[in-house]
Amino acid sequence: MKKAVSLLVAILLLVGSVNADESVVCFNDNDIKWLKDVKGYHRVSIIGTFNDKLAIVEKVDNNFKLKRGCINKNGESIIDENKYDCVSLIEGDKLLAYDKKTNKYGAFDINGKIIALFNFSSKEAVYKNIGYKKQKNENKPNIPTNTKSTPKQLEGYDFFRISKNLYCVKSTYKNEQNPFIEKYYFANLEGDKVSKEYFYNVNTFDLFSSKIYTEKRFLSVSDAERSGHVGLVDLETGKEILPHKYYNIDFFELNDYVLITAYTDYYLDSDKAEHIIFDKKNNKFVDFSDYDRIFYNSKSDKVINVYIEKDGKSGIALPSGKVILKLGDYNIGAVLSENMFLVRKIANDKTYLVDSNGKELISFDNYKWASPIWGGEYFSVSKDDGSIGIVKNPLLNSNNKVQEQNTVEEKKDSLEKAKVTAKYSTQNLKVNGKVIENLEVYHIDGHNFFKLRDIAMLAKGTESKFSVNWNGKKKIISIKIGSEYKEKGTELKAGDGQDKDGYKSNDKLEINGEMVQLNAYKINGNNYYEIRPLGKALGFSVGWDKASKTVELEM
């Protein structure tokens, strides 16, 4: 046993000095691989990763001009960011890049060798040159075969199989031109009615009108009295589990849990919503409504823990509701695993890696800031003089995964999010010649980002109109060009003029049934898209009047 302990200490000494009293790893400057050519800039940061070998580096000079490059795990730049901008990763091992001087696209391999010359005017031309084809999303639910004949109770009714255990049955036939006033109910596979009657709503219209089978556990439904409120029905039993008192219900289904946000406010203010987690394994609800907001950390579609916030204070809880890092002790920076967190300690404003008991595992006292990269395999650190570098995490197992300090039932790595600063845009905006004032628009990487639903609202009634629907289970935004947008009441709100934190959006985008990749960030829980690529994809033009600093949209 003594030999094993000595070996562990020796390993930790190789990557940083160890505080023998508390077994806390402390790095010094000699442990860090410092990046070159980073001083003298307004801001230098590692904002995320391209893959498990390359990280994205952004440099902003004092004139706020942006350079974007990438580094390997030795801290070495693999392309000249003074000449090229990294755009995106292709097929996991190729970098699409942009020549700033010629305004042409090309590609590098992950070692920095040019594999597609920079003489292409579009990304698509580069894709074609290297033989890359975008894959279509063809995931379809596995519809179970019904071996029984049609139940006698349903003969003469219009019905379809909506879930594993239920039929959806239309109970009225009045005014076929307006299906929103038709009633429906749920029946079991024997044809017995197991629910109340409901009306269609905006969220369920496509599902019912197209007779779509779903693997969702729950469904948002409108009551038969058409009060404008919605409730939640269990598609395993047909039973109503949340009453009809909400203006909208969003839910995200993962393997073990369903995360539910039930809005009690007409304007769908998340701060006034009820937050609930349904535990599928134990068939019970856990109420998180005491908190102002919650976010879940997941891996492989399983919740590992929950970020909680109340009165500006943050903490971490388990899906069971048990708080493991209590509110007010830390500002939570990142979740590396089920019980390992990078935090800013409020008492001394220093950064630490702590476990779920608050025990300090790694101290970053010597540095201004630290953040995990490559899923916590490395950390990036910065100093007051502008230096930035990377250091390997000493708490790794033999597979270079974060080594858990305690054994807990749901043992997983966390979802990493690369944070950027979304600058509030002061540029003017015109849509079809009309001035639009105070719209909440942000500036990231030298580009303007607009909220998708704001654009849909602006395009409403024009030749460029499009509808927006959200698939919470698959995290897919579906757009249908030419369809009228159904407003939610949250569109075209004035901004507060403040910069915000932005996170690269992982939500998928589907336009007219085709999967599309566009540059998007999550800001305050909403998807903001870079306006020029969005306009190209949806068929409206984007112009720029330099003299008046005005973005001009023609729809």
Protein backbone atom coordinates (compact mmCIF):
# COMPACT_ATOMS: atom_id res chain seq x y z
CA MET A 1 0.00 0.00 0.00
CA LYS A 2 2.86 2.40 0.88
CA LYS A 3 4.49 1.60 -2.45
CA ALA A 4 1.27 2.50 -4.33
CA VAL A 5 0.94 5.81 -2.48
CA SER A 6 4.59 6.67 -3.19
CA LEU A 7 4.09 5.90 -6.86
CA LEU A 8 1.04 8.22 -7.05
CA VAL A 9 2.98 11.08 -5.44
CA ALA A 10 5.87 10.52 -7.86
CA ILE A 11 3.52 10.70 -10.84
CA LEU A 12 1.95 13.93 -9.59
CA LEU A 13 5.39 15.46 -9.06
CA LEU A 14 6.14 14.93 -12.74
CA VAL A 15 3.28 17.23 -13.75
CA GLY A 16 3.29 19.74 -10.89
CA SER A 17 4.24 20.24 -7.31
CA VAL A 18 2.06 18.62 -4.65
CA ASN A 19 0.99 20.14 -1.38
CA ALA A 20 1.85 17.24 0.93
CA ASP A 21 -0.55 18.35 3.65
CA GLU A 22 -3.70 18.39 1.51
CA SER A 23 -2.59 16.39 -1.57
CA VAL A 24 -3.54 19.34 -3.79
CA VAL A 25 -1.77 19.57 -7.15
CA CYS A 26 -0.26 23.04 -7.74
CA PHE A 27 1.24 23.92 -11.13
CA ASN A 28 4.16 26.26 -11.70
CA ASP A 29 5.29 28.02 -14.89
CA ASN A 30 7.68 25.21 -15.82
CA ASP A 31 4.76 22.78 -16.05
CA ILE A 32 2.95 24.90 -18.63
CA LYS A 33 3.39 24.74 -22.42
CA TRP A 34 3.18 28.45 -23.20
CA LEU A 35 1.78 29.62 -26.54
CA LYS A 36 4.01 31.85 -28.65
CA ASP A 37 3.13 35.27 -30.09
CA VAL A 38 0.24 36.02 -27.73
CA LYS A 39 1.34 39.18 -25.92
CA GLY A 40 0.23 42.64 -27.00
CA TYR A 41 -3.28 41.52 -27.93
CA HIS A 42 -6.49 42.83 -26.40
CA ARG A 43 -7.59 39.25 -25.77
CA VAL A 44 -6.24 35.75 -26.47
CA SER A 45 -8.28 32.70 -25.54
CA ILE A 46 -8.69 29.02 -26.29
CA ILE A 47 -12.41 28.92 -27.06
CA GLY A 48 -12.93 25.21 -27.77
CA THR A 49 -11.67 22.22 -29.71
CA PHE A 50 -11.91 21.03 -33.31
CA ASN A 51 -11.31 17.40 -32.34
CA ASP A 52 -9.36 15.37 -29.77
CA LYS A 53 -6.04 16.70 -31.16
CA LEU A 54 -6.61 20.37 -32.06
CA ALA A 55 -7.91 23.34 -30.06
CA ILE A 56 -9.23 26.66 -31.39
CA VAL A 57 -7.30 29.82 -30.48
CA GLU A 58 -8.71 33.32 -30.93
CA LYS A 59 -6.61 36.48 -30.88
CA VAL A 60 -8.24 39.91 -30.81
CA ASP A 61 -5.91 42.89 -31.32
CA ASN A 62 -6.38 46.37 -29.87
CA ASN A 63 -8.40 47.37 -32.95
CA PHE A 64 -10.71 44.40 -32.25
CA LYS A 65 -9.56 42.60 -35.39
CA LEU A 66 -9.92 38.85 -35.00
CA LYS A 67 -7.48 36.07 -35.85
CA ARG A 68 -8.50 32.43 -35.47
CA GLY A 69 -5.98 29.60 -35.52
CA CYS A 70 -5.49 26.23 -33.87
CA ILE A 71 -2.89 24.48 -31.72
CA ASN A 72 -1.94 20.89 -31.00
CA LYS A 73 -1.32 19.37 -27.55
CA ASN A 74 2.23 20.71 -27.56
CA GLY A 75 0.85 24.26 -27.71
CA GLU A 76 2.16 24.68 -31.28
CA SER A 77 0.24 26.58 -33.97
CA ILE A 78 -0.29 24.38 -37.02
CA ILE A 79 -1.27 27.18 -39.44
CA ASP A 80 -0.31 30.84 -39.82
CA GLU A 81 -3.30 32.70 -38.34
CA ASN A 82 -1.92 35.97 -39.78
CA LYS A 83 -2.69 34.59 -43.23
CA TYR A 84 -5.53 32.11 -42.65
CA ASP A 85 -8.64 31.80 -40.53
CA CYS A 86 -9.72 28.33 -39.39
CA VAL A 87 -13.39 27.81 -40.25
CA SER A 88 -14.44 24.27 -39.35
CA LEU A 89 -13.45 20.62 -39.13
CA ILE A 90 -14.22 18.26 -42.04
CA GLU A 91 -14.62 14.50 -41.50
CA GLY A 92 -12.74 14.68 -38.19
CA ASP A 93 -9.24 15.15 -39.62
CA LYS A 94 -9.28 18.05 -42.13
CA LEU A 95 -9.48 21.79 -41.48
CA LEU A 96 -11.47 24.11 -43.72
CA ALA A 97 -9.73 27.49 -43.74
CA TYR A 98 -10.02 30.93 -45.34
CA ASP A 99 -7.23 32.96 -46.96
CA LYS A 100 -7.67 36.53 -45.71
CA LYS A 101 -5.76 38.09 -48.60
CA THR A 102 -7.32 36.27 -51.56
CA ASN A 103 -10.75 35.67 -49.95
CA LYS A 104 -10.57 32.03 -51.06
CA TYR A 105 -11.22 28.76 -49.23
CA GLY A 106 -8.92 25.75 -48.94
CA ALA A 107 -8.09 22.94 -46.51
CA PHE A 108 -5.28 21.62 -44.29
CA ASP A 109 -4.69 18.25 -42.71
CA ILE A 110 -4.30 18.14 -38.92
CA ASN A 111 -0.51 18.55 -39.25
CA GLY A 112 -0.86 21.85 -41.14
CA LYS A 113 -0.19 20.51 -44.64
CA ILE A 114 -2.30 22.04 -47.42
CA ILE A 115 -4.52 19.37 -49.02
CA ALA A 116 -6.82 21.70 -51.01
CA LEU A 117 -5.27 24.80 -52.59
CA PHE A 118 -6.75 28.15 -51.63
CA ASN A 119 -8.42 28.94 -54.94
CA PHE A 120 -12.05 28.02 -54.13
CA SER A 121 -14.74 30.68 -53.76
CA SER A 122 -17.03 28.57 -51.54
CA LYS A 123 -16.91 25.92 -48.83
CA GLU A 124 -18.94 23.58 -51.03
CA ALA A 125 -16.26 23.70 -53.74
CA VAL A 126 -13.65 22.61 -51.18
CA TYR A 127 -15.92 19.76 -50.03
CA LYS A 128 -16.23 18.57 -53.63
CA ASN A 129 -12.48 18.80 -54.21
CA ILE A 130 -11.65 16.55 -51.24
CA GLY A 131 -14.57 14.18 -51.90
CA TYR A 132 -16.60 15.09 -48.83
CA LYS A 133 -20.37 14.60 -48.91
CA LYS A 134 -22.66 15.85 -46.17
CA GLN A 135 -24.67 13.07 -44.62
CA LYS A 136 -28.44 13.28 -44.45
CA ASN A 137 -30.17 12.54 -41.19
CA GLU A 138 -32.24 9.44 -41.81
CA ASN A 139 -32.96 8.40 -38.24
CA LYS A 140 -36.48 7.04 -38.07
CA PRO A 141 -38.37 5.65 -35.09
CA ASN A 142 -38.70 1.87 -34.89
CA ILE A 143 -42.47 1.50 -35.25
CA PRO A 144 -43.62 -1.73 -33.56
CA THR A 145 -45.73 -4.11 -35.62
CA ASN A 146 -49.29 -4.51 -34.39
CA THR A 147 -50.12 -8.19 -34.78
CA LYS A 148 -53.70 -7.73 -33.59
CA SER A 149 -56.61 -6.83 -35.82
CA THR A 150 -58.30 -3.46 -35.50
CA PRO A 151 -60.04 -3.23 -32.11
CA LYS A 152 -63.81 -3.34 -32.48
CA GLN A 153 -64.21 -0.20 -30.37
CA LEU A 154 -62.27 1.80 -32.99
CA GLU A 155 -64.07 0.56 -36.10
CA GLY A 156 -65.33 3.56 -38.05
CA TYR A 157 -62.96 6.00 -36.29
CA ASP A 158 -59.95 7.76 -37.74
CA PHE A 159 -56.98 6.63 -35.63
CA PHE A 160 -53.27 5.79 -35.79
CA ARG A 161 -50.54 4.24 -33.64
CA ILE A 162 -48.91 7.16 -31.79
CA SER A 163 -46.72 5.26 -29.31
CA LYS A 164 -45.73 1.78 -28.18
CA ASN A 165 -48.85 1.38 -26.03
CA LEU A 166 -51.39 3.83 -27.46
CA TYR A 167 -53.56 4.79 -30.40
CA CYS A 168 -54.53 8.39 -31.06
CA VAL A 169 -58.22 8.47 -31.98
CA LYS A 170 -60.11 11.35 -33.60
CA SER A 171 -63.40 11.70 -31.76
CA THR A 172 -65.09 14.47 -33.82
CA TYR A 173 -65.44 15.14 -37.53
CA LYS A 174 -66.80 18.69 -37.54
CA ASN A 175 -65.35 21.26 -39.94
CA GLU A 176 -62.68 19.17 -41.69
CA GLN A 177 -61.14 22.41 -43.07
CA ASN A 178 -60.03 23.41 -39.58
CA PRO A 179 -58.44 20.44 -37.78
CA PHE A 180 -57.53 22.61 -34.77
CA ILE A 181 -61.13 22.36 -33.52
CA GLU A 182 -61.21 18.56 -33.80
CA LYS A 183 -61.01 16.56 -30.60
CA TYR A 184 -58.95 13.44 -30.03
CA TYR A 185 -58.25 10.99 -27.24
CA PHE A 186 -55.88 8.11 -26.49
CA ALA A 187 -56.82 4.43 -26.47
CA ASN A 188 -54.85 1.35 -25.46
CA LEU A 189 -54.10 -1.43 -27.95
CA GLU A 190 -57.39 -3.13 -27.07
CA GLY A 191 -59.21 0.03 -28.16
CA ASP A 192 -60.27 1.12 -24.67
CA LYS A 193 -60.35 4.87 -24.06
CA VAL A 194 -57.73 5.73 -21.43
CA SER A 195 -57.66 9.55 -21.53
CA LYS A 196 -59.78 12.67 -21.62
CA GLU A 197 -60.49 14.42 -24.91
CA TYR A 198 -58.10 17.11 -26.12
CA PHE A 199 -57.74 19.70 -28.86
CA TYR A 200 -54.85 20.03 -31.28
CA ASN A 201 -52.26 22.67 -30.49
CA VAL A 202 -49.34 24.18 -32.41
CA ASN A 203 -46.86 21.68 -30.92
CA THR A 204 -48.93 18.58 -31.78
CA PHE A 205 -50.55 19.58 -35.08
CA ASP A 206 -47.78 18.17 -37.34
CA LEU A 207 -47.63 14.98 -35.27
CA PHE A 208 -51.35 14.28 -35.53
CA SER A 209 -52.09 15.62 -39.01
CA SER A 210 -49.27 13.49 -40.46
CA LYS A 211 -50.08 10.53 -38.18
CA ILE A 212 -46.52 10.25 -36.89
CA TYR A 213 -45.40 7.51 -34.50
CA THR A 214 -43.26 8.91 -31.67
CA GLU A 215 -40.86 7.38 -29.16
CA LYS A 216 -41.38 10.27 -26.74
CA ARG A 217 -42.47 9.42 -23.22
CA PHE A 218 -44.60 12.56 -22.84
CA LEU A 219 -46.71 14.85 -25.02
CA SER A 220 -47.90 18.42 -24.47
CA VAL A 221 -51.68 18.62 -25.00
CA SER A 222 -54.40 21.33 -25.02
CA ASP A 223 -57.56 20.86 -23.02
CA ALA A 224 -60.96 20.32 -24.66
CA GLU A 225 -62.24 23.63 -23.25
CA ARG A 226 -59.70 25.51 -25.42
CA SER A 227 -58.51 27.61 -22.50
CA GLY A 228 -55.17 28.29 -24.15
CA HIS A 229 -53.32 26.28 -21.52
CA VAL A 230 -51.47 22.99 -21.96
CA GLY A 231 -50.77 19.96 -19.82
CA LEU A 232 -48.60 16.86 -20.14
CA VAL A 233 -49.72 13.30 -20.97
CA ASP A 234 -47.76 10.08 -20.42
CA LEU A 235 -47.66 8.20 -23.74
CA GLU A 236 -47.15 4.90 -21.95
CA THR A 237 -50.47 5.06 -20.11
CA GLY A 238 -52.43 7.96 -21.60
CA LYS A 239 -52.74 9.48 -18.13
CA GLU A 240 -52.43 13.20 -17.54
CA ILE A 241 -49.41 13.90 -15.34
CA LEU A 242 -49.29 17.72 -15.40
CA PRO A 243 -52.55 19.70 -15.30
CA HIS A 244 -53.69 22.24 -17.91
CA LYS A 245 -52.41 25.39 -16.24
CA TYR A 246 -49.30 26.21 -18.29
CA TYR A 247 -48.77 28.46 -21.31
CA ASN A 248 -46.20 26.09 -22.78
CA ILE A 249 -44.23 23.01 -21.75
CA ASP A 250 -40.76 22.20 -23.08
CA PHE A 251 -39.17 18.88 -22.31
CA PHE A 252 -35.97 17.06 -23.25
CA GLU A 253 -35.94 13.29 -23.09
CA LEU A 254 -32.73 11.45 -22.30
CA ASN A 255 -32.16 7.78 -21.52
CA ASP A 256 -32.84 7.93 -17.79
CA TYR A 257 -34.56 11.27 -17.27
CA VAL A 258 -36.98 13.75 -18.81
CA LEU A 259 -36.21 17.40 -18.08
CA ILE A 260 -39.37 19.50 -18.05
CA THR A 261 -39.80 23.29 -18.10
CA ALA A 262 -43.44 24.31 -17.57
CA TYR A 263 -44.06 28.01 -18.24
CA THR A 264 -46.53 29.77 -15.92
CA ASP A 265 -45.90 33.15 -17.59
CA TYR A 266 -47.56 34.25 -20.85
CA TYR A 267 -44.23 35.56 -22.18
CA LEU A 268 -42.53 32.23 -21.42
CA ASP A 269 -40.08 33.73 -18.94
CA SER A 270 -37.83 30.85 -17.82
CA ASP A 271 -37.22 32.59 -14.47
CA LYS A 272 -40.94 32.14 -13.70
CA ALA A 273 -41.16 28.55 -14.94
CA GLU A 274 -41.49 25.33 -12.97
CA HIS A 275 -38.45 23.07 -13.41
CA ILE A 276 -39.09 19.34 -13.01
CA ILE A 277 -37.03 16.21 -13.68
CA PHE A 278 -38.79 12.89 -14.25
CA ASP A 279 -36.80 9.83 -13.17
CA LYS A 280 -37.77 7.06 -15.62
CA LYS A 281 -36.06 4.31 -13.66
CA ASN A 282 -37.91 5.06 -10.44
CA ASN A 283 -41.02 6.48 -12.16
CA LYS A 284 -41.08 9.65 -10.07
CA PHE A 285 -40.87 13.43 -10.42
CA VAL A 286 -38.23 15.61 -8.74
CA ASP A 287 -39.22 19.26 -8.31
CA PHE A 288 -36.48 21.85 -8.97
CA SER A 289 -38.89 24.80 -9.03
CA ASP A 290 -37.28 26.36 -5.96
CA TYR A 291 -34.39 27.43 -8.21
CA ASP A 292 -34.42 30.35 -10.64
CA ARG A 293 -32.95 28.22 -13.40
CA ILE A 294 -31.34 24.85 -13.96
CA PHE A 295 -29.17 23.28 -16.66
CA TYR A 296 -28.33 19.62 -16.94
CA ASN A 297 -24.91 18.14 -17.66
CA SER A 298 -25.11 14.99 -19.74
CA LYS A 299 -23.06 12.42 -21.59
CA SER A 300 -24.32 9.74 -23.98
CA ASP A 301 -27.88 11.02 -23.45
CA LYS A 302 -27.69 10.47 -19.69
CA VAL A 303 -27.93 13.15 -17.02
CA ILE A 304 -24.95 13.12 -14.65
CA ASN A 305 -25.73 16.22 -12.59
CA VAL A 306 -27.69 19.47 -12.62
CA TYR A 307 -26.43 23.06 -12.49
CA ILE A 308 -28.69 25.08 -10.17
CA GLU A 309 -28.95 28.83 -9.72
CA LYS A 310 -30.87 31.03 -7.29
CA ASP A 311 -30.53 34.74 -6.50
CA GLY A 312 -27.35 34.87 -8.61
CA LYS A 313 -25.68 32.03 -6.71
CA SER A 314 -24.80 28.72 -8.38
CA GLY A 315 -24.34 25.14 -7.25
CA ILE A 316 -24.56 21.51 -8.38
CA ALA A 317 -27.23 18.92 -7.58
CA LEU A 318 -27.83 15.29 -8.52
CA PRO A 319 -30.93 14.42 -10.61
CA SER A 320 -32.42 13.06 -7.37
CA GLY A 321 -32.47 16.64 -6.05
CA LYS A 322 -29.61 16.17 -3.56
CA VAL A 323 -27.33 19.24 -3.55
CA ILE A 324 -23.63 18.29 -3.68
CA LEU A 325 -22.07 21.76 -4.16
CA LYS A 326 -24.23 24.18 -2.23
CA LEU A 327 -25.30 27.58 -3.48
CA GLY A 328 -23.02 30.49 -2.68
CA ASP A 329 -19.70 28.72 -2.15
CA TYR A 330 -18.54 28.72 -5.78
CA ASN A 331 -19.13 30.06 -9.24
CA ILE A 332 -19.32 26.90 -11.34
CA GLY A 333 -16.98 27.16 -14.33
CA ALA A 334 -17.17 23.69 -15.89
CA VAL A 335 -18.21 20.12 -15.17
CA LEU A 336 -15.51 17.56 -15.95
CA SER A 337 -17.34 14.50 -14.70
CA GLU A 338 -20.13 13.35 -12.44
CA ASN A 339 -18.30 14.58 -9.35
CA MET A 340 -15.42 16.74 -10.54
CA PHE A 341 -15.88 20.49 -11.11
CA LEU A 342 -13.77 23.48 -12.10
CA VAL A 343 -14.92 26.34 -9.87
CA ARG A 344 -14.12 29.89 -8.84
CA LYS A 345 -14.11 30.01 -5.05
CA ILE A 346 -16.06 33.05 -3.91
CA ALA A 347 -14.15 33.43 -0.62
CA ASN A 348 -10.79 34.17 -2.33
CA ASP A 349 -11.66 34.53 -6.05
CA LYS A 350 -9.31 31.68 -6.99
CA THR A 351 -9.84 28.75 -9.38
CA TYR A 352 -9.81 25.12 -8.23
CA LEU A 353 -10.74 21.66 -9.40
CA VAL A 354 -12.90 20.20 -6.63
CA ASP A 355 -14.81 16.97 -6.05
CA SER A 356 -18.46 16.67 -5.05
CA ASN A 357 -17.53 17.14 -1.37
CA GLY A 358 -15.77 20.43 -2.13
CA LYS A 359 -12.34 18.88 -1.60
CA GLU A 360 -9.68 20.74 -3.59
CA LEU A 361 -7.86 18.45 -6.03
CA ILE A 362 -5.98 20.97 -8.20
CA SER A 363 -5.19 24.59 -7.34
CA PHE A 364 -4.70 27.30 -9.97
CA ASP A 365 -3.71 29.94 -7.40
CA ASN A 366 -0.75 31.08 -9.50
CA TYR A 367 -2.88 31.96 -12.50
CA LYS A 368 -5.52 34.48 -13.45
CA TRP A 369 -7.89 31.93 -14.96
CA ALA A 370 -8.15 28.28 -15.97
CA SER A 371 -10.56 26.27 -18.13
CA PRO A 372 -10.68 22.66 -19.34
CA ILE A 373 -10.05 21.65 -22.95
CA TRP A 374 -10.24 18.28 -24.74
CA GLY A 375 -12.86 17.09 -22.27
CA GLY A 376 -10.67 17.88 -19.26
CA GLU A 377 -7.59 16.05 -20.56
CA TYR A 378 -5.81 19.43 -20.53
CA PHE A 379 -6.37 22.84 -18.94
CA SER A 380 -5.68 26.22 -20.49
CA VAL A 381 -4.29 28.80 -18.05
CA SER A 382 -3.64 32.53 -18.34
CA LYS A 383 -1.59 35.12 -16.46
CA ASP A 384 -2.03 38.83 -15.81
CA ASP A 385 0.67 39.67 -18.38
CA GLY A 386 -1.42 38.10 -21.18
CA SER A 387 0.47 34.80 -21.33
CA ILE A 388 -1.63 31.74 -22.11
CA GLY A 389 -0.64 28.09 -22.08
CA ILE A 390 -1.84 24.52 -21.67
CA VAL A 391 -1.07 21.81 -19.12
CA LYS A 392 -2.10 18.15 -18.94
CA ASN A 393 -4.54 17.10 -16.24
CA PRO A 394 -2.68 14.83 -13.80
CA LEU A 395 -5.91 13.18 -12.63
CA LEU A 396 -6.32 10.91 -15.66
CA ASN A 397 -6.73 7.18 -15.93
CA SER A 398 -4.79 4.93 -18.34
CA ASN A 399 -7.18 5.88 -21.17
CA ASN A 400 -6.55 9.61 -20.70
CA LYS A 401 -10.05 10.05 -19.28
CA VAL A 402 -10.84 12.07 -16.17
CA GLN A 403 -10.25 9.83 -13.17
CA GLU A 404 -13.21 9.89 -10.78
CA GLN A 405 -12.37 10.47 -7.12
CA ASN A 406 -15.47 8.69 -5.82
CA THR A 407 -17.57 5.82 -7.15
CA VAL A 408 -21.13 6.93 -8.00
CA GLU A 409 -23.80 4.98 -9.91
CA GLU A 410 -23.93 7.12 -13.08
CA LYS A 411 -20.21 7.49 -13.84
CA LYS A 412 -19.70 9.67 -16.93
CA ASP A 413 -17.61 12.56 -18.35
CA SER A 414 -19.41 15.92 -18.68
CA LEU A 415 -20.49 17.90 -21.67
CA GLU A 416 -17.93 20.63 -22.37
CA LYS A 417 -19.08 24.02 -23.67
CA ALA A 418 -16.74 26.59 -25.14
CA LYS A 419 -17.72 30.03 -23.88
CA VAL A 420 -17.31 33.20 -25.96
CA THR A 421 -18.24 36.79 -25.34
CA ALA A 422 -21.22 37.88 -27.44
CA LYS A 423 -20.81 41.65 -27.88
CA TYR A 424 -24.09 43.54 -27.97
CA SER A 425 -24.35 45.02 -31.48
CA THR A 426 -24.93 48.76 -31.88
CA GLN A 427 -25.28 48.54 -35.66
CA ASN A 428 -28.47 49.72 -37.30
CA LEU A 429 -30.96 47.40 -39.00
CA LYS A 430 -33.37 47.77 -41.91
CA VAL A 431 -35.77 45.11 -43.16
CA ASN A 432 -37.25 45.76 -46.61
CA GLY A 433 -36.35 49.43 -46.15
CA LYS A 434 -38.01 49.74 -42.72
CA VAL A 435 -35.87 50.68 -39.71
CA ILE A 436 -36.01 48.10 -36.89
CA GLU A 437 -34.97 49.54 -33.54
CA ASN A 438 -33.51 47.93 -30.41
CA LEU A 439 -33.48 44.35 -31.72
CA GLU A 440 -31.27 42.05 -29.65
CA VAL A 441 -28.32 41.28 -31.98
CA TYR A 442 -24.81 40.15 -31.01
CA HIS A 443 -21.37 40.40 -32.58
CA ILE A 444 -19.12 37.30 -32.42
CA ASP A 445 -15.91 36.69 -34.38
CA GLY A 446 -16.59 39.77 -36.52
CA HIS A 447 -20.06 38.57 -37.58
CA ASN A 448 -23.62 39.52 -36.65
CA PHE A 449 -25.76 36.87 -34.97
CA PHE A 450 -29.57 37.13 -34.92
CA LYS A 451 -32.08 35.10 -32.91
CA LEU A 452 -33.70 32.60 -35.27
CA ARG A 453 -37.25 33.31 -34.09
CA ASP A 454 -36.71 37.06 -34.51
CA ILE A 455 -35.78 36.49 -38.17
CA ALA A 456 -38.78 34.20 -38.63
CA MET A 457 -41.03 36.93 -37.23
CA LEU A 458 -39.48 39.59 -39.48
CA ALA A 459 -39.96 37.32 -42.51
CA LYS A 460 -43.59 36.59 -41.63
CA GLY A 461 -45.90 37.54 -44.49
CA THR A 462 -43.01 38.08 -46.94
CA GLU A 463 -41.79 35.95 -49.84
CA SER A 464 -39.06 34.66 -47.53
CA LYS A 465 -41.40 33.42 -44.78
CA PHE A 466 -40.56 30.19 -42.96
CA SER A 467 -41.82 28.19 -40.00
CA VAL A 468 -39.74 27.02 -37.00
CA ASN A 469 -40.42 23.88 -34.96
CA TRP A 470 -38.36 22.29 -32.17
CA ASN A 471 -37.86 18.55 -31.59
CA GLY A 472 -36.76 18.46 -27.95
CA LYS A 473 -35.84 14.76 -27.89
CA LYS A 474 -33.56 14.85 -30.92
CA LYS A 475 -32.55 18.50 -30.42
CA ILE A 476 -33.44 19.34 -34.01
CA ILE A 477 -34.74 22.70 -35.23
CA SER A 478 -36.97 22.12 -38.26
CA ILE A 479 -37.53 24.95 -40.74
CA LYS A 480 -40.04 24.83 -43.60
CA ILE A 481 -39.49 27.56 -46.19
CA GLY A 482 -42.75 29.04 -47.44
CA SER A 483 -44.74 28.07 -44.34
CA GLU A 484 -46.20 30.75 -42.10
CA TYR A 485 -44.44 31.24 -38.78
CA LYS A 486 -46.52 30.76 -35.62
CA GLU A 487 -45.35 33.31 -33.08
CA LYS A 488 -44.69 32.40 -29.45
CA GLY A 489 -44.81 35.90 -27.98
CA THR A 490 -41.08 36.09 -27.26
CA GLU A 491 -39.99 37.55 -30.59
CA LEU A 492 -38.54 40.99 -31.39
CA LYS A 493 -37.91 41.91 -27.76
CA ALA A 494 -35.59 44.84 -27.08
CA GLY A 495 -32.15 43.97 -25.74
CA ASP A 496 -30.60 45.38 -22.58
CA GLY A 497 -27.45 46.60 -24.31
CA GLN A 498 -25.21 44.24 -22.32
CA ASP A 499 -22.68 41.72 -23.56
CA LYS A 500 -23.56 38.07 -22.90
CA ASP A 501 -21.87 34.69 -22.64
CA GLY A 502 -22.33 32.59 -25.77
CA TYR A 503 -21.89 28.85 -26.22
CA LYS A 504 -21.52 26.97 -29.47
CA SER A 505 -24.92 25.48 -30.20
CA ASN A 506 -25.18 21.70 -30.46
CA ASP A 507 -28.74 21.83 -31.77
CA LYS A 508 -29.15 20.36 -35.24
CA LEU A 509 -30.82 22.33 -38.03
CA GLU A 510 -33.11 20.89 -40.69
CA ILE A 511 -34.35 22.97 -43.63
CA ASN A 512 -37.09 21.42 -45.76
CA GLY A 513 -36.07 17.97 -44.53
CA GLU A 514 -32.34 18.40 -45.28
CA MET A 515 -29.77 18.60 -42.46
CA VAL A 516 -27.79 21.86 -42.68
CA GLN A 517 -24.75 23.08 -40.75
CA LEU A 518 -24.75 26.81 -39.95
CA ASN A 519 -22.73 28.83 -37.47
CA ALA A 520 -24.84 29.27 -34.31
CA TYR A 521 -24.44 30.13 -30.63
CA LYS A 522 -26.69 29.66 -27.62
CA ILE A 523 -27.20 32.99 -25.84
CA ASN A 524 -29.60 33.10 -22.88
CA GLY A 525 -30.99 29.74 -24.00
CA ASN A 526 -31.85 30.93 -27.54
CA ASN A 527 -30.20 29.99 -30.84
CA TYR A 528 -28.51 32.91 -32.59
CA TYR A 529 -27.34 32.34 -36.20
CA GLU A 530 -24.75 34.17 -38.27
CA ILE A 531 -26.97 36.26 -40.53
CA ARG A 532 -25.26 35.95 -43.95
CA PRO A 533 -25.14 32.12 -44.11
CA LEU A 534 -28.68 32.00 -42.69
CA GLY A 535 -29.91 34.38 -45.40
CA LYS A 536 -28.24 32.29 -48.09
CA ALA A 537 -29.84 29.10 -46.73
CA LEU A 538 -33.33 30.61 -46.41
CA GLY A 539 -33.40 32.78 -49.54
CA PHE A 540 -33.21 36.36 -48.29
CA SER A 541 -30.43 38.84 -49.03
CA VAL A 542 -28.13 40.46 -46.49
CA GLY A 543 -26.46 43.78 -47.28
CA TRP A 544 -24.23 46.22 -45.43
CA ASP A 545 -24.26 50.01 -45.74
CA LYS A 546 -20.83 51.03 -44.46
CA ALA A 547 -21.61 54.76 -44.35
CA SER A 548 -24.58 54.40 -41.99
CA LYS A 549 -23.35 51.15 -40.37
CA THR A 550 -26.62 49.46 -41.26
CA VAL A 551 -27.39 45.79 -41.83
CA GLU A 552 -29.99 45.60 -44.63
CA LEU A 553 -32.24 42.56 -45.04
CA GLU A 554 -34.40 42.09 -48.14
CA MET A 555 -37.11 39.45 -47.67
